[in-house]
Each structure stands twice: as C-alpha cells, then as structure tokens.
Amino acid sequence: MRELRISTDSSQIDVDLVHRYLSEESYWAKGIPRETVERSLAHSLCFGGYIDGHQVAFARVISDYATFAYLGDVFVLPEYRGSGYSKALMQAVIAHPQLQGLRRFMLATSDAHGLYAQFGFAAPAKPQTLMECCVPDIYKTSKPIPPPQRRRSGQ
C-alpha cells in the first residue's frame, strides 16, 4: 500500500475531481451542480487523501465544532479501493482536534455500515426522535427549491 497523505488544507482540494465523482459516480449526489459543490466545500472541514500528489480520496464534515457534526461526501476513487485508504481517511476525521468532545456525530450511508461501525457509528438509539427534510431529486429539478420560511416571532 502506498502511503496516503491526508490534509485539511482546502487549497489542495481538487474541486474538479470532487465534483466529477459526486455528480457522475456517487449514488447520493448525482447531477449536483459544480456551484453547489464549491459552496459546500467553502462551508465544511474538508479532508483530501493524496498519493504522489494526486487526490484519490475525500470527506467533508459540517460542524459547529462544539456539539454536532455531520460527515458527508466520503469517497475513495474506485481504482484505489481495497488498500485501507477509507480507514486511514476515517481515522484522520475522527482524530481531528476540532471534532473532539462532540455530543453527536452523524452520517448517512447505504453501503458502508461496516466501515463506519469500526469508528463508533451505529444506528440511532432513538430513531423516533430524528426528523429530516429530504428532497432526493433536487439536482434533477430545473430550479432549486427554496428553504422553508421561518416564522417571525409573535406569529
């Protein structure tokens, strides 16, 4: 196994590679516009995995760095899978100093439960307490769906 160098330096992220993977190969973000990827990267703690200076892995964390974090967009390019790089990437995420002491760290996966279980992730203890607003085909619609309106105080 060649050594995977992991960095959170956002200037090293290969935005073209991340967008291409998410929009063309991922099951969770097919068709995602590049502008949306760029905005998500700008507002996340991003982890790039590099071999010989080329990015081969990615993950990002959305967090308040105090109580909550959400792990998303985790991938290793297909030709680099099976070499332990996803575990190395996850070890870096879990060990990151800004992500310590969180009350809740969440993610969603359809196919990598075994990987994430190795790092303490499990099904929610009380799934009945969780709710979501989900628009699964948002990237296929012609125009973005606006966020829900906030109620003004006194209403």
N, C-alpha and C. Protein backbone atom coordinates (compact mmCIF):
# COMPACT_ATOMS: atom_id res chain seq x y z
N MET A 1 0.85 -1.18 0.00
CA MET A 1 0.00 0.00 0.00
C MET A 1 0.89 1.24 0.00
N ARG A 2 0.66 2.10 -0.98
CA ARG A 2 1.37 3.37 -1.00
C ARG A 2 0.76 4.25 0.07
N GLU A 3 1.58 5.12 0.65
CA GLU A 3 1.12 5.95 1.76
C GLU A 3 0.13 7.01 1.29
N LEU A 4 -0.95 7.11 2.05
CA LEU A 4 -1.97 8.12 1.80
C LEU A 4 -1.68 9.31 2.69
N ARG A 5 -1.44 10.46 2.09
CA ARG A 5 -1.25 11.70 2.86
C ARG A 5 -2.60 12.38 2.95
N ILE A 6 -3.00 12.72 4.17
CA ILE A 6 -4.31 13.35 4.38
C ILE A 6 -4.09 14.78 4.85
N SER A 7 -4.84 15.69 4.24
CA SER A 7 -4.70 17.11 4.57
C SER A 7 -6.08 17.76 4.64
N THR A 8 -6.19 18.76 5.51
CA THR A 8 -7.40 19.58 5.57
C THR A 8 -7.16 20.96 4.94
N ASP A 9 -6.07 21.10 4.22
CA ASP A 9 -5.77 22.34 3.52
C ASP A 9 -6.71 22.46 2.32
N SER A 10 -7.67 23.35 2.40
CA SER A 10 -8.70 23.46 1.35
C SER A 10 -8.11 23.88 0.00
N SER A 11 -6.96 24.53 0.02
CA SER A 11 -6.36 24.95 -1.25
C SER A 11 -5.83 23.76 -2.05
N GLN A 12 -5.67 22.60 -1.40
CA GLN A 12 -5.18 21.41 -2.09
C GLN A 12 -6.30 20.56 -2.70
N ILE A 13 -7.54 20.83 -2.33
CA ILE A 13 -8.66 20.03 -2.83
C ILE A 13 -8.79 20.18 -4.34
N ASP A 14 -8.88 19.07 -5.04
CA ASP A 14 -9.09 19.06 -6.49
C ASP A 14 -10.60 19.15 -6.72
N VAL A 15 -11.09 20.37 -6.87
CA VAL A 15 -12.53 20.61 -6.98
C VAL A 15 -13.11 19.90 -8.20
N ASP A 16 -12.37 19.87 -9.30
CA ASP A 16 -12.84 19.17 -10.49
C ASP A 16 -13.07 17.69 -10.19
N LEU A 17 -12.13 17.07 -9.51
CA LEU A 17 -12.24 15.65 -9.17
C LEU A 17 -13.42 15.40 -8.23
N VAL A 18 -13.55 16.23 -7.20
CA VAL A 18 -14.65 16.06 -6.25
C VAL A 18 -15.99 16.23 -6.96
N HIS A 19 -16.12 17.27 -7.76
CA HIS A 19 -17.37 17.49 -8.48
C HIS A 19 -17.66 16.33 -9.43
N ARG A 20 -16.67 15.91 -10.19
CA ARG A 20 -16.87 14.81 -11.15
C ARG A 20 -17.33 13.54 -10.42
N TYR A 21 -16.66 13.21 -9.31
CA TYR A 21 -17.06 12.00 -8.59
C TYR A 21 -18.49 12.12 -8.05
N LEU A 22 -18.77 13.22 -7.37
CA LEU A 22 -20.09 13.37 -6.77
C LEU A 22 -21.18 13.40 -7.83
N SER A 23 -20.99 14.15 -8.90
CA SER A 23 -22.05 14.33 -9.89
C SER A 23 -22.22 13.14 -10.82
N GLU A 24 -21.16 12.36 -11.04
CA GLU A 24 -21.23 11.26 -12.01
C GLU A 24 -21.19 9.87 -11.38
N GLU A 25 -20.50 9.70 -10.25
CA GLU A 25 -20.29 8.35 -9.73
C GLU A 25 -21.00 8.06 -8.41
N SER A 26 -21.26 9.07 -7.61
CA SER A 26 -21.88 8.82 -6.31
C SER A 26 -23.35 8.48 -6.48
N TYR A 27 -23.90 7.73 -5.52
CA TYR A 27 -25.34 7.45 -5.55
C TYR A 27 -26.12 8.54 -4.82
N TRP A 28 -25.46 9.38 -4.07
CA TRP A 28 -26.16 10.35 -3.22
C TRP A 28 -26.20 11.77 -3.80
N ALA A 29 -25.39 12.07 -4.81
CA ALA A 29 -25.34 13.45 -5.31
C ALA A 29 -25.28 13.52 -6.83
N LYS A 30 -25.81 12.52 -7.50
CA LYS A 30 -25.80 12.52 -8.98
C LYS A 30 -26.37 13.83 -9.51
N GLY A 31 -25.65 14.42 -10.44
CA GLY A 31 -26.12 15.64 -11.08
C GLY A 31 -25.91 16.91 -10.29
N ILE A 32 -25.22 16.84 -9.16
CA ILE A 32 -25.02 18.04 -8.34
C ILE A 32 -24.27 19.10 -9.15
N PRO A 33 -24.76 20.32 -9.15
CA PRO A 33 -24.07 21.38 -9.89
C PRO A 33 -22.72 21.73 -9.25
N ARG A 34 -21.78 22.11 -10.06
CA ARG A 34 -20.45 22.48 -9.56
C ARG A 34 -20.54 23.61 -8.54
N GLU A 35 -21.40 24.59 -8.79
CA GLU A 35 -21.53 25.72 -7.87
C GLU A 35 -21.96 25.23 -6.48
N THR A 36 -22.81 24.23 -6.43
CA THR A 36 -23.26 23.68 -5.15
C THR A 36 -22.10 22.98 -4.45
N VAL A 37 -21.30 22.24 -5.20
CA VAL A 37 -20.12 21.58 -4.62
C VAL A 37 -19.17 22.63 -4.08
N GLU A 38 -18.90 23.67 -4.84
CA GLU A 38 -17.99 24.72 -4.39
C GLU A 38 -18.48 25.36 -3.10
N ARG A 39 -19.77 25.64 -3.01
CA ARG A 39 -20.34 26.25 -1.81
C ARG A 39 -20.23 25.28 -0.63
N SER A 40 -20.47 23.99 -0.87
CA SER A 40 -20.38 23.02 0.22
C SER A 40 -18.94 22.89 0.73
N LEU A 41 -17.98 22.96 -0.16
CA LEU A 41 -16.57 22.88 0.25
C LEU A 41 -16.17 24.10 1.07
N ALA A 42 -16.66 25.25 0.67
CA ALA A 42 -16.31 26.50 1.35
C ALA A 42 -16.83 26.54 2.79
N HIS A 43 -17.88 25.79 3.08
CA HIS A 43 -18.50 25.83 4.39
C HIS A 43 -18.35 24.52 5.16
N SER A 44 -17.30 23.76 4.86
CA SER A 44 -17.06 22.48 5.51
C SER A 44 -15.59 22.32 5.86
N LEU A 45 -15.33 21.41 6.77
CA LEU A 45 -13.97 20.98 7.04
C LEU A 45 -13.71 19.82 6.09
N CYS A 46 -12.86 20.04 5.10
CA CYS A 46 -12.63 19.05 4.05
C CYS A 46 -11.33 18.29 4.29
N PHE A 47 -11.39 17.00 4.01
CA PHE A 47 -10.24 16.11 4.13
C PHE A 47 -9.94 15.55 2.75
N GLY A 48 -8.75 15.83 2.26
CA GLY A 48 -8.31 15.25 1.00
C GLY A 48 -7.30 14.17 1.27
N GLY A 49 -7.38 13.08 0.53
CA GLY A 49 -6.40 12.00 0.61
C GLY A 49 -5.58 11.98 -0.67
N TYR A 50 -4.26 11.99 -0.54
CA TYR A 50 -3.37 12.17 -1.69
C TYR A 50 -2.32 11.07 -1.74
N ILE A 51 -2.06 10.59 -2.96
CA ILE A 51 -0.97 9.66 -3.22
C ILE A 51 -0.13 10.28 -4.32
N ASP A 52 1.15 10.41 -4.05
CA ASP A 52 2.07 11.01 -5.02
C ASP A 52 1.55 12.34 -5.56
N GLY A 53 0.93 13.13 -4.67
CA GLY A 53 0.47 14.46 -5.04
C GLY A 53 -0.88 14.51 -5.74
N HIS A 54 -1.50 13.36 -5.99
CA HIS A 54 -2.79 13.32 -6.67
C HIS A 54 -3.88 12.93 -5.69
N GLN A 55 -5.00 13.64 -5.73
CA GLN A 55 -6.09 13.34 -4.82
C GLN A 55 -6.79 12.05 -5.24
N VAL A 56 -6.98 11.15 -4.26
CA VAL A 56 -7.65 9.87 -4.51
C VAL A 56 -8.79 9.62 -3.53
N ALA A 57 -8.94 10.48 -2.54
CA ALA A 57 -9.98 10.29 -1.52
C ALA A 57 -10.46 11.64 -1.01
N PHE A 58 -11.66 11.62 -0.43
CA PHE A 58 -12.25 12.87 0.04
C PHE A 58 -13.29 12.58 1.12
N ALA A 59 -13.43 13.51 2.03
CA ALA A 59 -14.53 13.51 3.01
C ALA A 59 -14.70 14.95 3.47
N ARG A 60 -15.92 15.26 3.90
CA ARG A 60 -16.12 16.60 4.46
C ARG A 60 -17.01 16.50 5.68
N VAL A 61 -16.78 17.43 6.61
CA VAL A 61 -17.54 17.47 7.86
C VAL A 61 -18.16 18.85 8.00
N ILE A 62 -19.44 18.86 8.30
CA ILE A 62 -20.17 20.09 8.57
C ILE A 62 -20.37 20.10 10.08
N SER A 63 -19.93 21.17 10.76
CA SER A 63 -19.96 21.16 12.22
C SER A 63 -20.00 22.55 12.82
N ASP A 64 -20.48 22.61 14.07
CA ASP A 64 -20.35 23.83 14.87
C ASP A 64 -19.09 23.74 15.73
N TYR A 65 -18.37 22.61 15.66
CA TYR A 65 -17.13 22.35 16.38
C TYR A 65 -17.29 22.36 17.90
N ALA A 66 -18.51 22.25 18.37
CA ALA A 66 -18.76 22.25 19.81
C ALA A 66 -19.66 21.11 20.23
N THR A 67 -20.76 20.89 19.48
CA THR A 67 -21.74 19.89 19.91
C THR A 67 -22.14 18.91 18.83
N PHE A 68 -22.01 19.27 17.55
CA PHE A 68 -22.58 18.46 16.48
C PHE A 68 -21.70 18.47 15.25
N ALA A 69 -21.69 17.33 14.54
CA ALA A 69 -21.01 17.24 13.24
C ALA A 69 -21.76 16.25 12.37
N TYR A 70 -21.67 16.48 11.07
CA TYR A 70 -22.24 15.58 10.08
C TYR A 70 -21.15 15.27 9.06
N LEU A 71 -20.91 13.99 8.84
CA LEU A 71 -19.91 13.53 7.89
C LEU A 71 -20.60 13.22 6.57
N GLY A 72 -20.07 13.77 5.49
CA GLY A 72 -20.69 13.52 4.19
C GLY A 72 -19.68 13.46 3.06
N ASP A 73 -20.17 13.02 1.92
CA ASP A 73 -19.39 13.01 0.68
C ASP A 73 -18.07 12.26 0.81
N VAL A 74 -18.10 11.14 1.50
CA VAL A 74 -16.88 10.33 1.69
C VAL A 74 -16.70 9.41 0.48
N PHE A 75 -15.50 9.45 -0.11
CA PHE A 75 -15.23 8.50 -1.19
C PHE A 75 -13.74 8.27 -1.35
N VAL A 76 -13.42 7.11 -1.89
CA VAL A 76 -12.09 6.75 -2.37
C VAL A 76 -12.31 6.37 -3.83
N LEU A 77 -11.50 6.88 -4.71
CA LEU A 77 -11.66 6.54 -6.13
C LEU A 77 -11.60 5.03 -6.31
N PRO A 78 -12.42 4.49 -7.22
CA PRO A 78 -12.53 3.03 -7.37
C PRO A 78 -11.19 2.31 -7.52
N GLU A 79 -10.28 2.86 -8.28
CA GLU A 79 -9.01 2.18 -8.52
C GLU A 79 -8.09 2.14 -7.29
N TYR A 80 -8.44 2.85 -6.23
CA TYR A 80 -7.64 2.87 -5.00
C TYR A 80 -8.33 2.17 -3.85
N ARG A 81 -9.48 1.59 -4.08
CA ARG A 81 -10.21 0.90 -3.01
C ARG A 81 -9.55 -0.42 -2.69
N GLY A 82 -9.81 -0.91 -1.48
CA GLY A 82 -9.27 -2.19 -1.05
C GLY A 82 -7.86 -2.12 -0.50
N SER A 83 -7.36 -0.92 -0.28
CA SER A 83 -6.00 -0.74 0.22
C SER A 83 -5.96 -0.11 1.61
N GLY A 84 -7.11 0.03 2.25
CA GLY A 84 -7.16 0.61 3.59
C GLY A 84 -7.24 2.12 3.62
N TYR A 85 -7.40 2.76 2.46
CA TYR A 85 -7.42 4.22 2.43
C TYR A 85 -8.68 4.80 3.09
N SER A 86 -9.81 4.11 2.97
CA SER A 86 -11.02 4.62 3.62
C SER A 86 -10.85 4.60 5.14
N LYS A 87 -10.19 3.59 5.67
CA LYS A 87 -9.92 3.54 7.12
C LYS A 87 -8.96 4.64 7.54
N ALA A 88 -7.94 4.88 6.75
CA ALA A 88 -6.98 5.94 7.06
C ALA A 88 -7.68 7.30 7.04
N LEU A 89 -8.55 7.50 6.06
CA LEU A 89 -9.30 8.75 5.96
C LEU A 89 -10.20 8.92 7.18
N MET A 90 -10.91 7.87 7.55
CA MET A 90 -11.79 7.94 8.71
C MET A 90 -11.02 8.16 10.01
N GLN A 91 -9.85 7.55 10.14
CA GLN A 91 -9.03 7.77 11.34
C GLN A 91 -8.66 9.25 11.45
N ALA A 92 -8.33 9.87 10.32
CA ALA A 92 -7.98 11.30 10.33
C ALA A 92 -9.18 12.15 10.71
N VAL A 93 -10.34 11.80 10.19
CA VAL A 93 -11.56 12.56 10.52
C VAL A 93 -11.85 12.46 12.01
N ILE A 94 -11.89 11.26 12.52
CA ILE A 94 -12.25 11.02 13.93
C ILE A 94 -11.23 11.65 14.88
N ALA A 95 -9.97 11.69 14.48
CA ALA A 95 -8.90 12.22 15.35
C ALA A 95 -8.73 13.73 15.25
N HIS A 96 -9.41 14.38 14.31
CA HIS A 96 -9.17 15.80 14.10
C HIS A 96 -9.47 16.58 15.38
N PRO A 97 -8.56 17.46 15.80
CA PRO A 97 -8.72 18.18 17.07
C PRO A 97 -10.01 19.00 17.18
N GLN A 98 -10.50 19.57 16.09
CA GLN A 98 -11.71 20.38 16.14
C GLN A 98 -12.98 19.54 16.26
N LEU A 99 -12.86 18.23 16.13
CA LEU A 99 -14.03 17.36 16.17
C LEU A 99 -14.07 16.50 17.43
N GLN A 100 -13.39 16.94 18.47
CA GLN A 100 -13.37 16.20 19.72
C GLN A 100 -14.43 16.74 20.68
N GLY A 101 -15.00 15.87 21.50
CA GLY A 101 -15.95 16.28 22.52
C GLY A 101 -17.34 16.61 22.01
N LEU A 102 -17.64 16.19 20.79
CA LEU A 102 -18.96 16.46 20.22
C LEU A 102 -20.00 15.54 20.86
N ARG A 103 -21.19 16.07 21.07
CA ARG A 103 -22.27 15.26 21.62
C ARG A 103 -22.83 14.31 20.57
N ARG A 104 -22.90 14.76 19.33
CA ARG A 104 -23.47 13.92 18.27
C ARG A 104 -22.67 14.12 16.99
N PHE A 105 -22.34 12.98 16.36
CA PHE A 105 -21.64 12.96 15.07
C PHE A 105 -22.45 12.01 14.19
N MET A 106 -23.00 12.52 13.12
CA MET A 106 -23.91 11.73 12.30
C MET A 106 -23.39 11.56 10.88
N LEU A 107 -23.96 10.60 10.19
CA LEU A 107 -23.73 10.39 8.77
C LEU A 107 -24.89 9.57 8.23
N ALA A 108 -24.95 9.48 6.91
CA ALA A 108 -25.91 8.61 6.25
C ALA A 108 -25.14 7.77 5.24
N THR A 109 -25.47 6.48 5.18
CA THR A 109 -24.82 5.60 4.21
C THR A 109 -25.78 4.51 3.78
N SER A 110 -25.62 4.08 2.55
CA SER A 110 -26.40 2.95 2.05
C SER A 110 -25.54 1.70 1.90
N ASP A 111 -24.22 1.87 1.96
CA ASP A 111 -23.37 0.71 1.63
C ASP A 111 -22.08 0.56 2.44
N ALA A 112 -21.85 1.39 3.45
CA ALA A 112 -20.57 1.32 4.15
C ALA A 112 -20.74 1.22 5.67
N HIS A 113 -21.79 0.57 6.10
CA HIS A 113 -22.05 0.44 7.54
C HIS A 113 -20.87 -0.20 8.28
N GLY A 114 -20.26 -1.21 7.69
CA GLY A 114 -19.14 -1.90 8.32
C GLY A 114 -17.95 -0.99 8.56
N LEU A 115 -17.65 -0.15 7.60
CA LEU A 115 -16.55 0.80 7.76
C LEU A 115 -16.82 1.74 8.92
N TYR A 116 -17.99 2.37 8.91
CA TYR A 116 -18.29 3.39 9.92
C TYR A 116 -18.47 2.79 11.31
N ALA A 117 -18.95 1.56 11.39
CA ALA A 117 -19.10 0.90 12.69
C ALA A 117 -17.74 0.76 13.38
N GLN A 118 -16.68 0.59 12.62
CA GLN A 118 -15.33 0.47 13.19
C GLN A 118 -14.90 1.75 13.92
N PHE A 119 -15.60 2.84 13.64
CA PHE A 119 -15.26 4.14 14.24
C PHE A 119 -16.33 4.63 15.19
N GLY A 120 -17.18 3.71 15.64
CA GLY A 120 -18.16 4.03 16.67
C GLY A 120 -19.53 4.45 16.17
N PHE A 121 -19.74 4.52 14.87
CA PHE A 121 -21.04 4.90 14.35
C PHE A 121 -21.99 3.71 14.43
N ALA A 122 -23.25 3.99 14.75
CA ALA A 122 -24.28 2.96 14.84
C ALA A 122 -25.61 3.58 14.46
N ALA A 123 -26.61 2.73 14.28
CA ALA A 123 -27.96 3.24 14.01
C ALA A 123 -28.38 4.11 15.19
N PRO A 124 -29.20 5.12 14.93
CA PRO A 124 -29.63 6.00 16.03
C PRO A 124 -30.30 5.20 17.15
N ALA A 125 -29.94 5.54 18.39
CA ALA A 125 -30.52 4.86 19.55
C ALA A 125 -32.02 5.12 19.64
N LYS A 126 -32.44 6.30 19.26
CA LYS A 126 -33.85 6.68 19.30
C LYS A 126 -34.24 7.27 17.94
N PRO A 127 -34.39 6.43 16.92
CA PRO A 127 -34.70 6.98 15.60
C PRO A 127 -36.00 7.78 15.57
N GLN A 128 -36.91 7.48 16.49
CA GLN A 128 -38.18 8.21 16.53
C GLN A 128 -37.99 9.68 16.89
N THR A 129 -36.81 10.05 17.41
CA THR A 129 -36.57 11.45 17.76
C THR A 129 -35.97 12.25 16.60
N LEU A 130 -35.57 11.58 15.53
CA LEU A 130 -34.92 12.24 14.40
C LEU A 130 -35.94 12.55 13.31
N MET A 131 -35.76 13.69 12.70
CA MET A 131 -36.60 14.09 11.57
C MET A 131 -35.70 14.70 10.50
N GLU A 132 -36.21 14.78 9.29
CA GLU A 132 -35.44 15.38 8.21
C GLU A 132 -36.37 16.01 7.19
N CYS A 133 -35.84 16.96 6.47
CA CYS A 133 -36.45 17.48 5.25
C CYS A 133 -35.57 16.95 4.13
N CYS A 134 -36.10 16.13 3.28
CA CYS A 134 -35.28 15.49 2.25
C CYS A 134 -35.90 15.72 0.88
N VAL A 135 -35.09 16.18 -0.05
CA VAL A 135 -35.51 16.39 -1.43
C VAL A 135 -34.55 15.57 -2.29
N PRO A 136 -34.80 14.26 -2.45
CA PRO A 136 -33.82 13.38 -3.09
C PRO A 136 -33.47 13.73 -4.53
N ASP A 137 -34.38 14.32 -5.26
CA ASP A 137 -34.11 14.64 -6.67
C ASP A 137 -33.82 16.11 -6.91
N ILE A 138 -33.35 16.81 -5.90
CA ILE A 138 -33.15 18.26 -6.01
C ILE A 138 -32.21 18.64 -7.16
N TYR A 139 -31.21 17.81 -7.45
CA TYR A 139 -30.26 18.16 -8.51
C TYR A 139 -30.82 17.87 -9.89
N LYS A 140 -31.96 17.19 -9.96
CA LYS A 140 -32.59 16.90 -11.24
C LYS A 140 -33.66 17.93 -11.60
N THR A 141 -34.07 18.73 -10.63
CA THR A 141 -35.08 19.75 -10.91
C THR A 141 -34.43 20.92 -11.61
N SER A 142 -35.22 21.66 -12.36
CA SER A 142 -34.66 22.77 -13.14
C SER A 142 -34.31 23.97 -12.28
N LYS A 143 -34.98 24.15 -11.15
CA LYS A 143 -34.63 25.27 -10.29
C LYS A 143 -34.63 24.81 -8.84
N PRO A 144 -33.74 25.39 -8.04
CA PRO A 144 -33.64 24.97 -6.64
C PRO A 144 -34.93 25.22 -5.87
N ILE A 145 -35.21 24.35 -4.95
CA ILE A 145 -36.36 24.51 -4.08
C ILE A 145 -35.94 25.40 -2.92
N PRO A 146 -36.68 26.48 -2.65
CA PRO A 146 -36.27 27.40 -1.57
C PRO A 146 -36.42 26.73 -0.21
N PRO A 147 -35.61 27.18 0.77
CA PRO A 147 -35.73 26.63 2.13
C PRO A 147 -37.06 27.03 2.73
N PRO A 148 -37.52 26.29 3.75
CA PRO A 148 -38.79 26.65 4.39
C PRO A 148 -38.72 28.05 4.98
N GLN A 149 -39.85 28.74 4.97
CA GLN A 149 -39.94 30.08 5.54
C GLN A 149 -39.85 30.00 7.06
N ARG A 150 -39.13 30.90 7.65
CA ARG A 150 -39.05 30.98 9.11
C ARG A 150 -40.21 31.83 9.60
N ARG A 151 -40.77 31.40 10.68
CA ARG A 151 -41.85 32.20 11.27
C ARG A 151 -41.25 33.35 12.06
N ARG A 152 -41.85 34.51 11.91
CA ARG A 152 -41.39 35.66 12.69
C ARG A 152 -41.93 35.54 14.10
N SER A 153 -41.18 36.04 15.07
CA SER A 153 -41.65 35.98 16.45
C SER A 153 -42.95 36.75 16.57
N GLY A 154 -43.85 36.24 17.40
CA GLY A 154 -45.14 36.87 17.57
C GLY A 154 -46.21 36.28 16.69
N GLN A 155 -45.83 35.35 15.78
CA GLN A 155 -46.82 34.73 14.91
C GLN A 155 -47.39 33.48 15.52
